Amino acid sequence: RHLPFMGGELPAELNRLKGSMRRLAVPKVGAVFEELG
């Protein structure tokens, strides 16, 4: 977020990538709750 060219925000593409990586990183039960919000 604090990189000079980011302006304090994450681009939508990085947000989606972040979400995908999180779902890969957590156990299956975590993915279930993540998908539920």
All heavy atoms as atom14 arrays in JSON, in Angstrom:
{
  "sequence": "RHLPFMGGELPAELNRLKGSMRRLAVPKVGAVFEELG",
  "atom14_mask": [
    [1, 1, 1, 1, 1, 1, 1, 1, 1, 1, 1, 0, 0, 0],
    [1, 1, 1, 1, 1, 1, 1, 1, 1, 1, 0, 0, 0, 0],
    [1, 1, 1, 1, 1, 1, 1, 1, 0, 0, 0, 0, 0, 0],
    [1, 1, 1, 1, 1, 1, 1, 0, 0, 0, 0, 0, 0, 0],
    [1, 1, 1, 1, 1, 1, 1, 1, 1, 1, 1, 0, 0, 0],
    [1, 1, 1, 1, 1, 1, 1, 1, 0, 0, 0, 0, 0, 0],
    [1, 1, 1, 1, 0, 0, 0, 0, 0, 0, 0, 0, 0, 0],
    [1, 1, 1, 1, 0, 0, 0, 0, 0, 0, 0, 0, 0, 0],
    [1, 1, 1, 1, 1, 1, 1, 1, 1, 0, 0, 0, 0, 0],
    [1, 1, 1, 1, 1, 1, 1, 1, 0, 0, 0, 0, 0, 0],
    [1, 1, 1, 1, 1, 1, 1, 0, 0, 0, 0, 0, 0, 0],
    [1, 1, 1, 1, 1, 0, 0, 0, 0, 0, 0, 0, 0, 0],
    [1, 1, 1, 1, 1, 1, 1, 1, 1, 0, 0, 0, 0, 0],
    [1, 1, 1, 1, 1, 1, 1, 1, 0, 0, 0, 0, 0, 0],
    [1, 1, 1, 1, 1, 1, 1, 1, 0, 0, 0, 0, 0, 0],
    [1, 1, 1, 1, 1, 1, 1, 1, 1, 1, 1, 0, 0, 0],
    [1, 1, 1, 1, 1, 1, 1, 1, 0, 0, 0, 0, 0, 0],
    [1, 1, 1, 1, 1, 1, 1, 1, 1, 0, 0, 0, 0, 0],
    [1, 1, 1, 1, 0, 0, 0, 0, 0, 0, 0, 0, 0, 0],
    [1, 1, 1, 1, 1, 1, 0, 0, 0, 0, 0, 0, 0, 0],
    [1, 1, 1, 1, 1, 1, 1, 1, 0, 0, 0, 0, 0, 0],
    [1, 1, 1, 1, 1, 1, 1, 1, 1, 1, 1, 0, 0, 0],
    [1, 1, 1, 1, 1, 1, 1, 1, 1, 1, 1, 0, 0, 0],
    [1, 1, 1, 1, 1, 1, 1, 1, 0, 0, 0, 0, 0, 0],
    [1, 1, 1, 1, 1, 0, 0, 0, 0, 0, 0, 0, 0, 0],
    [1, 1, 1, 1, 1, 1, 1, 0, 0, 0, 0, 0, 0, 0],
    [1, 1, 1, 1, 1, 1, 1, 0, 0, 0, 0, 0, 0, 0],
    [1, 1, 1, 1, 1, 1, 1, 1, 1, 0, 0, 0, 0, 0],
    [1, 1, 1, 1, 1, 1, 1, 0, 0, 0, 0, 0, 0, 0],
    [1, 1, 1, 1, 0, 0, 0, 0, 0, 0, 0, 0, 0, 0],
    [1, 1, 1, 1, 1, 0, 0, 0, 0, 0, 0, 0, 0, 0],
    [1, 1, 1, 1, 1, 1, 1, 0, 0, 0, 0, 0, 0, 0],
    [1, 1, 1, 1, 1, 1, 1, 1, 1, 1, 1, 0, 0, 0],
    [1, 1, 1, 1, 1, 1, 1, 1, 1, 0, 0, 0, 0, 0],
    [1, 1, 1, 1, 1, 1, 1, 1, 1, 0, 0, 0, 0, 0],
    [1, 1, 1, 1, 1, 1, 1, 1, 0, 0, 0, 0, 0, 0],
    [1, 1, 1, 1, 0, 0, 0, 0, 0, 0, 0, 0, 0, 0]
  ],
  "atom14_positions": [
    [[0.82, -1.21, 0.0], [0.0, 0.0, 0.0], [0.85, 1.26, 0.0], [0.47, 2.28, -0.58], [-0.91, 0.03, 1.24], [-2.1, -0.9, 1.18], [-2.94, -0.73, 2.46], [-3.99, -1.71, 2.56], [-5.18, -1.59, 1.96], [-5.44, -0.54, 1.21], [-6.1, -2.54, 2.1], [0.0, 0.0, 0.0], [0.0, 0.0, 0.0], [0.0, 0.0, 0.0]],
    [[2.0, 1.2, 0.7], [2.8, 2.41, 0.88], [3.89, 2.61, -0.18], [4.71, 3.51, -0.05], [3.43, 2.41, 2.29], [2.42, 2.63, 3.37], [1.8, 1.6, 4.03], [1.88, 3.78, 3.87], [0.94, 2.08, 4.92], [0.98, 3.4, 4.83], [0.0, 0.0, 0.0], [0.0, 0.0, 0.0], [0.0, 0.0, 0.0], [0.0, 0.0, 0.0]],
    [[3.88, 1.76, -1.21], [4.77, 2.04, -2.34], [4.36, 3.35, -2.99], [3.16, 3.66, -3.1], [4.7, 0.9, -3.35], [5.34, -0.43, -2.91], [5.08, -1.52, -3.95], [6.84, -0.27, -2.68], [0.0, 0.0, 0.0], [0.0, 0.0, 0.0], [0.0, 0.0, 0.0], [0.0, 0.0, 0.0], [0.0, 0.0, 0.0], [0.0, 0.0, 0.0]],
    [[5.3, 4.17, -3.47], [4.97, 5.52, -3.97], [3.91, 5.53, -5.06], [3.05, 6.4, -5.1], [6.32, 6.02, -4.5], [7.34, 5.23, -3.73], [6.74, 3.9, -3.48], [0.0, 0.0, 0.0], [0.0, 0.0, 0.0], [0.0, 0.0, 0.0], [0.0, 0.0, 0.0], [0.0, 0.0, 0.0], [0.0, 0.0, 0.0], [0.0, 0.0, 0.0]],
    [[3.94, 4.55, -5.95], [3.0, 4.57, -7.09], [1.64, 3.97, -6.76], [0.77, 3.91, -7.61], [3.63, 3.86, -8.3], [4.05, 2.44, -8.01], [3.14, 1.38, -8.11], [5.36, 2.16, -7.62], [3.55, 0.09, -7.83], [5.75, 0.86, -7.34], [4.85, -0.18, -7.44], [0.0, 0.0, 0.0], [0.0, 0.0, 0.0], [0.0, 0.0, 0.0]],
    [[1.43, 3.5, -5.54], [0.17, 2.86, -5.17], [-0.85, 3.85, -4.59], [-2.04, 3.59, -4.59], [0.4, 1.74, -4.15], [1.03, 0.51, -4.78], [-0.04, -0.2, -6.05], [0.98, -1.56, -6.61], [0.0, 0.0, 0.0], [0.0, 0.0, 0.0], [0.0, 0.0, 0.0], [0.0, 0.0, 0.0], [0.0, 0.0, 0.0], [0.0, 0.0, 0.0]],
    [[-0.38, 4.96, -4.05], [-1.31, 5.94, -3.51], [-2.13, 5.44, -2.33], [-3.24, 5.91, -2.09], [0.0, 0.0, 0.0], [0.0, 0.0, 0.0], [0.0, 0.0, 0.0], [0.0, 0.0, 0.0], [0.0, 0.0, 0.0], [0.0, 0.0, 0.0], [0.0, 0.0, 0.0], [0.0, 0.0, 0.0], [0.0, 0.0, 0.0], [0.0, 0.0, 0.0]],
    [[-1.6, 4.46, -1.6], [-2.3, 3.96, -0.42], [-3.39, 2.96, -0.71], [-4.08, 2.52, 0.21], [0.0, 0.0, 0.0], [0.0, 0.0, 0.0], [0.0, 0.0, 0.0], [0.0, 0.0, 0.0], [0.0, 0.0, 0.0], [0.0, 0.0, 0.0], [0.0, 0.0, 0.0], [0.0, 0.0, 0.0], [0.0, 0.0, 0.0], [0.0, 0.0, 0.0]],
    [[-3.61, 2.59, -1.95], [-4.68, 1.64, -2.29], [-4.11, 0.44, -3.04], [-3.08, 0.54, -3.72], [-5.74, 2.32, -3.17], [-6.48, 3.46, -2.5], [-7.32, 2.99, -1.33], [-7.78, 1.83, -1.36], [-7.5, 3.78, -0.38], [0.0, 0.0, 0.0], [0.0, 0.0, 0.0], [0.0, 0.0, 0.0], [0.0, 0.0, 0.0], [0.0, 0.0, 0.0]],
    [[-4.79, -0.69, -2.93], [-4.43, -1.87, -3.7], [-5.29, -1.93, -4.95], [-6.52, -1.78, -4.87], [-4.66, -3.15, -2.88], [-3.69, -3.43, -1.74], [-4.11, -4.74, -1.05], [-2.27, -3.54, -2.24], [0.0, 0.0, 0.0], [0.0, 0.0, 0.0], [0.0, 0.0, 0.0], [0.0, 0.0, 0.0], [0.0, 0.0, 0.0], [0.0, 0.0, 0.0]],
    [[-4.67, -2.12, -6.12], [-5.48, -2.27, -7.33], [-6.4, -3.48, -7.22], [-6.12, -4.43, -6.49], [-4.43, -2.48, -8.43], [-3.15, -1.98, -7.86], [-3.24, -2.2, -6.39], [0.0, 0.0, 0.0], [0.0, 0.0, 0.0], [0.0, 0.0, 0.0], [0.0, 0.0, 0.0], [0.0, 0.0, 0.0], [0.0, 0.0, 0.0], [0.0, 0.0, 0.0]],
    [[-7.51, -3.46, -7.96], [-8.48, -4.56, -7.93], [-7.82, -5.88, -8.29], [-8.13, -6.93, -7.71], [-9.64, -4.27, -8.87], [0.0, 0.0, 0.0], [0.0, 0.0, 0.0], [0.0, 0.0, 0.0], [0.0, 0.0, 0.0], [0.0, 0.0, 0.0], [0.0, 0.0, 0.0], [0.0, 0.0, 0.0], [0.0, 0.0, 0.0], [0.0, 0.0, 0.0]],
    [[-6.87, -5.85, -9.24], [-6.21, -7.08, -9.66], [-5.42, -7.69, -8.51], [-5.44, -8.92, -8.29], [-5.27, -6.82, -10.86], [-5.98, -6.44, -12.14], [-6.37, -4.95, -12.16], [-6.03, -4.24, -11.19], [-7.02, -4.54, -13.12], [0.0, 0.0, 0.0], [0.0, 0.0, 0.0], [0.0, 0.0, 0.0], [0.0, 0.0, 0.0], [0.0, 0.0, 0.0]],
    [[-4.71, -6.83, -7.74], [-3.94, -7.34, -6.62], [-4.86, -7.84, -5.49], [-4.55, -8.81, -4.81], [-3.0, -6.26, -6.08], [-1.71, -6.03, -6.89], [-0.87, -4.95, -6.23], [-0.91, -7.32, -7.0], [0.0, 0.0, 0.0], [0.0, 0.0, 0.0], [0.0, 0.0, 0.0], [0.0, 0.0, 0.0], [0.0, 0.0, 0.0], [0.0, 0.0, 0.0]],
    [[-5.98, -7.16, -5.32], [-6.94, -7.63, -4.32], [-7.44, -9.03, -4.65], [-7.56, -9.9, -3.79], [-8.12, -6.67, -4.23], [-8.0, -5.72, -3.04], [-7.55, -6.13, -1.98], [-8.38, -4.47, -3.24], [0.0, 0.0, 0.0], [0.0, 0.0, 0.0], [0.0, 0.0, 0.0], [0.0, 0.0, 0.0], [0.0, 0.0, 0.0], [0.0, 0.0, 0.0]],
    [[-7.76, -9.24, -5.96], [-8.24, -10.56, -6.37], [-7.14, -11.59, -6.21], [-7.38, -12.72, -5.76], [-8.74, -10.51, -7.82], [-10.08, -9.81, -7.96], [-10.68, -10.08, -9.34], [-9.91, -9.44, -10.39], [-10.15, -8.2, -10.83], [-11.13, -7.47, -10.28], [-9.41, -7.67, -11.77], [0.0, 0.0, 0.0], [0.0, 0.0, 0.0], [0.0, 0.0, 0.0]],
    [[-5.88, -11.22, -6.57], [-4.76, -12.14, -6.42], [-4.53, -12.48, -4.95], [-4.31, -13.64, -4.59], [-3.49, -11.51, -7.01], [-2.19, -12.33, -6.85], [-2.34, -13.67, -7.57], [-1.0, -11.55, -7.38], [0.0, 0.0, 0.0], [0.0, 0.0, 0.0], [0.0, 0.0, 0.0], [0.0, 0.0, 0.0], [0.0, 0.0, 0.0], [0.0, 0.0, 0.0]],
    [[-4.65, -11.42, -4.1], [-4.49, -11.65, -2.66], [-5.53, -12.65, -2.15], [-5.21, -13.58, -1.4], [-4.63, -10.32, -1.92], [-4.67, -10.43, -0.41], [-5.07, -9.09, 0.17], [-5.85, -9.32, 1.44], [-6.5, -8.1, 1.91], [0.0, 0.0, 0.0], [0.0, 0.0, 0.0], [0.0, 0.0, 0.0], [0.0, 0.0, 0.0], [0.0, 0.0, 0.0]],
    [[-6.77, -12.47, -2.58], [-7.83, -13.39, -2.15], [-7.56, -14.8, -2.6], [-7.76, -15.77, -1.85], [0.0, 0.0, 0.0], [0.0, 0.0, 0.0], [0.0, 0.0, 0.0], [0.0, 0.0, 0.0], [0.0, 0.0, 0.0], [0.0, 0.0, 0.0], [0.0, 0.0, 0.0], [0.0, 0.0, 0.0], [0.0, 0.0, 0.0], [0.0, 0.0, 0.0]],
    [[-7.12, -14.97, -3.84], [-6.83, -16.31, -4.35], [-5.69, -16.95, -3.58], [-5.75, -18.14, -3.25], [-6.47, -16.23, -5.84], [-7.54, -15.7, -6.59], [0.0, 0.0, 0.0], [0.0, 0.0, 0.0], [0.0, 0.0, 0.0], [0.0, 0.0, 0.0], [0.0, 0.0, 0.0], [0.0, 0.0, 0.0], [0.0, 0.0, 0.0], [0.0, 0.0, 0.0]],
    [[-4.64, -16.18, -3.28], [-3.5, -16.73, -2.55], [-3.89, -17.11, -1.13], [-3.44, -18.13, -0.61], [-2.36, -15.71, -2.54], [-1.76, -15.47, -3.93], [-0.46, -14.24, -3.9], [0.82, -15.14, -3.03], [0.0, 0.0, 0.0], [0.0, 0.0, 0.0], [0.0, 0.0, 0.0], [0.0, 0.0, 0.0], [0.0, 0.0, 0.0], [0.0, 0.0, 0.0]],
    [[-4.76, -16.31, -0.51], [-5.2, -16.64, 0.84], [-5.95, -17.96, 0.85], [-5.77, -18.8, 1.73], [-6.09, -15.51, 1.39], [-5.33, -14.29, 1.85], [-6.26, -13.09, 1.94], [-7.16, -13.2, 3.05], [-6.94, -12.62, 4.24], [-5.84, -11.96, 4.46], [-7.82, -12.73, 5.21], [0.0, 0.0, 0.0], [0.0, 0.0, 0.0], [0.0, 0.0, 0.0]],
    [[-6.82, -18.16, -0.13], [-7.6, -19.4, -0.17], [-6.7, -20.6, -0.41], [-7.0, -21.7, 0.05], [-8.7, -19.29, -1.23], [-9.88, -18.46, -0.77], [-11.02, -18.51, -1.76], [-10.77, -17.68, -2.92], [-11.02, -16.38, -2.96], [-11.51, -15.76, -1.92], [-10.77, -15.69, -4.05], [0.0, 0.0, 0.0], [0.0, 0.0, 0.0], [0.0, 0.0, 0.0]],
    [[-5.6, -20.39, -1.12], [-4.66, -21.48, -1.32], [-3.86, -21.76, -0.05], [-3.44, -22.89, 0.19], [-3.69, -21.15, -2.47], [-4.28, -21.2, -3.89], [-3.26, -20.68, -4.88], [-4.68, -22.63, -4.25], [0.0, 0.0, 0.0], [0.0, 0.0, 0.0], [0.0, 0.0, 0.0], [0.0, 0.0, 0.0], [0.0, 0.0, 0.0], [0.0, 0.0, 0.0]],
    [[-3.67, -20.73, 0.76], [-2.78, -20.86, 1.92], [-3.45, -21.47, 3.13], [-2.78, -22.01, 3.99], [-2.22, -19.48, 2.3], [0.0, 0.0, 0.0], [0.0, 0.0, 0.0], [0.0, 0.0, 0.0], [0.0, 0.0, 0.0], [0.0, 0.0, 0.0], [0.0, 0.0, 0.0], [0.0, 0.0, 0.0], [0.0, 0.0, 0.0], [0.0, 0.0, 0.0]],
    [[-4.76, -21.36, 3.21], [-5.43, -21.82, 4.42], [-5.93, -23.24, 4.25], [-6.11, -23.72, 3.14], [-6.62, -20.89, 4.78], [-6.14, -19.48, 4.98], [-7.71, -20.95, 3.73], [0.0, 0.0, 0.0], [0.0, 0.0, 0.0], [0.0, 0.0, 0.0], [0.0, 0.0, 0.0], [0.0, 0.0, 0.0], [0.0, 0.0, 0.0], [0.0, 0.0, 0.0]],
    [[-6.2, -23.94, 5.35], [-6.8, -25.26, 5.26], [-8.18, -25.17, 4.61], [-8.77, -24.1, 4.5], [-6.92, -25.69, 6.73], [-5.99, -24.81, 7.48], [-5.92, -23.53, 6.73], [0.0, 0.0, 0.0], [0.0, 0.0, 0.0], [0.0, 0.0, 0.0], [0.0, 0.0, 0.0], [0.0, 0.0, 0.0], [0.0, 0.0, 0.0], [0.0, 0.0, 0.0]],
    [[-8.7, -26.32, 4.23], [-10.0, -26.33, 3.55], [-11.09, -25.68, 4.38], [-11.96, -24.99, 3.87], [-10.39, -27.78, 3.21], [-9.59, -28.37, 2.07], [-10.09, -29.76, 1.73], [-9.3, -30.36, 0.57], [-9.77, -31.72, 0.23], [0.0, 0.0, 0.0], [0.0, 0.0, 0.0], [0.0, 0.0, 0.0], [0.0, 0.0, 0.0], [0.0, 0.0, 0.0]],
    [[-11.07, -25.93, 5.69], [-12.11, -25.33, 6.53], [-12.02, -23.82, 6.48], [-13.03, -23.12, 6.48], [-12.01, -25.85, 7.97], [-10.72, -25.42, 8.65], [-13.2, -25.37, 8.78], [0.0, 0.0, 0.0], [0.0, 0.0, 0.0], [0.0, 0.0, 0.0], [0.0, 0.0, 0.0], [0.0, 0.0, 0.0], [0.0, 0.0, 0.0], [0.0, 0.0, 0.0]],
    [[-10.78, -23.28, 6.43], [-10.62, -21.84, 6.32], [-11.18, -21.3, 5.03], [-11.8, -20.24, 5.0], [0.0, 0.0, 0.0], [0.0, 0.0, 0.0], [0.0, 0.0, 0.0], [0.0, 0.0, 0.0], [0.0, 0.0, 0.0], [0.0, 0.0, 0.0], [0.0, 0.0, 0.0], [0.0, 0.0, 0.0], [0.0, 0.0, 0.0], [0.0, 0.0, 0.0]],
    [[-10.98, -22.04, 3.94], [-11.5, -21.61, 2.65], [-13.02, -21.53, 2.67], [-13.62, -20.63, 2.09], [-11.03, -22.57, 1.56], [0.0, 0.0, 0.0], [0.0, 0.0, 0.0], [0.0, 0.0, 0.0], [0.0, 0.0, 0.0], [0.0, 0.0, 0.0], [0.0, 0.0, 0.0], [0.0, 0.0, 0.0], [0.0, 0.0, 0.0], [0.0, 0.0, 0.0]],
    [[-13.64, -22.47, 3.38], [-15.11, -22.46, 3.49], [-15.56, -21.17, 4.15], [-16.45, -20.46, 3.64], [-15.6, -23.68, 4.3], [-17.09, -23.54, 4.61], [-15.34, -24.97, 3.53], [0.0, 0.0, 0.0], [0.0, 0.0, 0.0], [0.0, 0.0, 0.0], [0.0, 0.0, 0.0], [0.0, 0.0, 0.0], [0.0, 0.0, 0.0], [0.0, 0.0, 0.0]],
    [[-14.96, -20.81, 5.28], [-15.37, -19.6, 5.99], [-14.98, -18.34, 5.21], [-15.71, -17.34, 5.25], [-14.76, -19.57, 7.4], [-15.39, -20.58, 8.32], [-14.66, -21.67, 8.78], [-16.7, -20.44, 8.73], [-15.24, -22.6, 9.62], [-17.29, -21.38, 9.58], [-16.57, -22.46, 10.02], [0.0, 0.0, 0.0], [0.0, 0.0, 0.0], [0.0, 0.0, 0.0]],
    [[-13.85, -18.38, 4.53], [-13.46, -17.24, 3.71], [-14.48, -16.99, 2.6], [-14.85, -15.85, 2.33], [-12.07, -17.49, 3.09], [-10.93, -17.41, 4.09], [-10.36, -16.01, 4.17], [-9.99, -15.45, 3.13], [-10.3, -15.48, 5.29], [0.0, 0.0, 0.0], [0.0, 0.0, 0.0], [0.0, 0.0, 0.0], [0.0, 0.0, 0.0], [0.0, 0.0, 0.0]],
    [[-14.94, -18.05, 1.97], [-15.94, -17.9, 0.91], [-17.26, -17.36, 1.47], [-18.03, -16.72, 0.76], [-16.19, -19.24, 0.21], [-15.01, -19.74, -0.62], [-14.75, -18.86, -1.84], [-15.61, -18.01, -2.17], [-13.68, -18.99, -2.46], [0.0, 0.0, 0.0], [0.0, 0.0, 0.0], [0.0, 0.0, 0.0], [0.0, 0.0, 0.0], [0.0, 0.0, 0.0]],
    [[-17.52, -17.63, 2.76], [-18.74, -17.14, 3.38], [-18.6, -15.72, 3.92], [-19.52, -15.19, 4.55], [-19.15, -18.08, 4.52], [-19.69, -19.44, 4.09], [-19.87, -20.35, 5.29], [-21.03, -19.28, 3.36], [0.0, 0.0, 0.0], [0.0, 0.0, 0.0], [0.0, 0.0, 0.0], [0.0, 0.0, 0.0], [0.0, 0.0, 0.0], [0.0, 0.0, 0.0]],
    [[-17.45, -15.08, 3.69], [-17.28, -13.68, 4.04], [-16.52, -13.41, 5.32], [-16.4, -12.26, 5.74], [0.0, 0.0, 0.0], [0.0, 0.0, 0.0], [0.0, 0.0, 0.0], [0.0, 0.0, 0.0], [0.0, 0.0, 0.0], [0.0, 0.0, 0.0], [0.0, 0.0, 0.0], [0.0, 0.0, 0.0], [0.0, 0.0, 0.0], [0.0, 0.0, 0.0]]
  ]
}
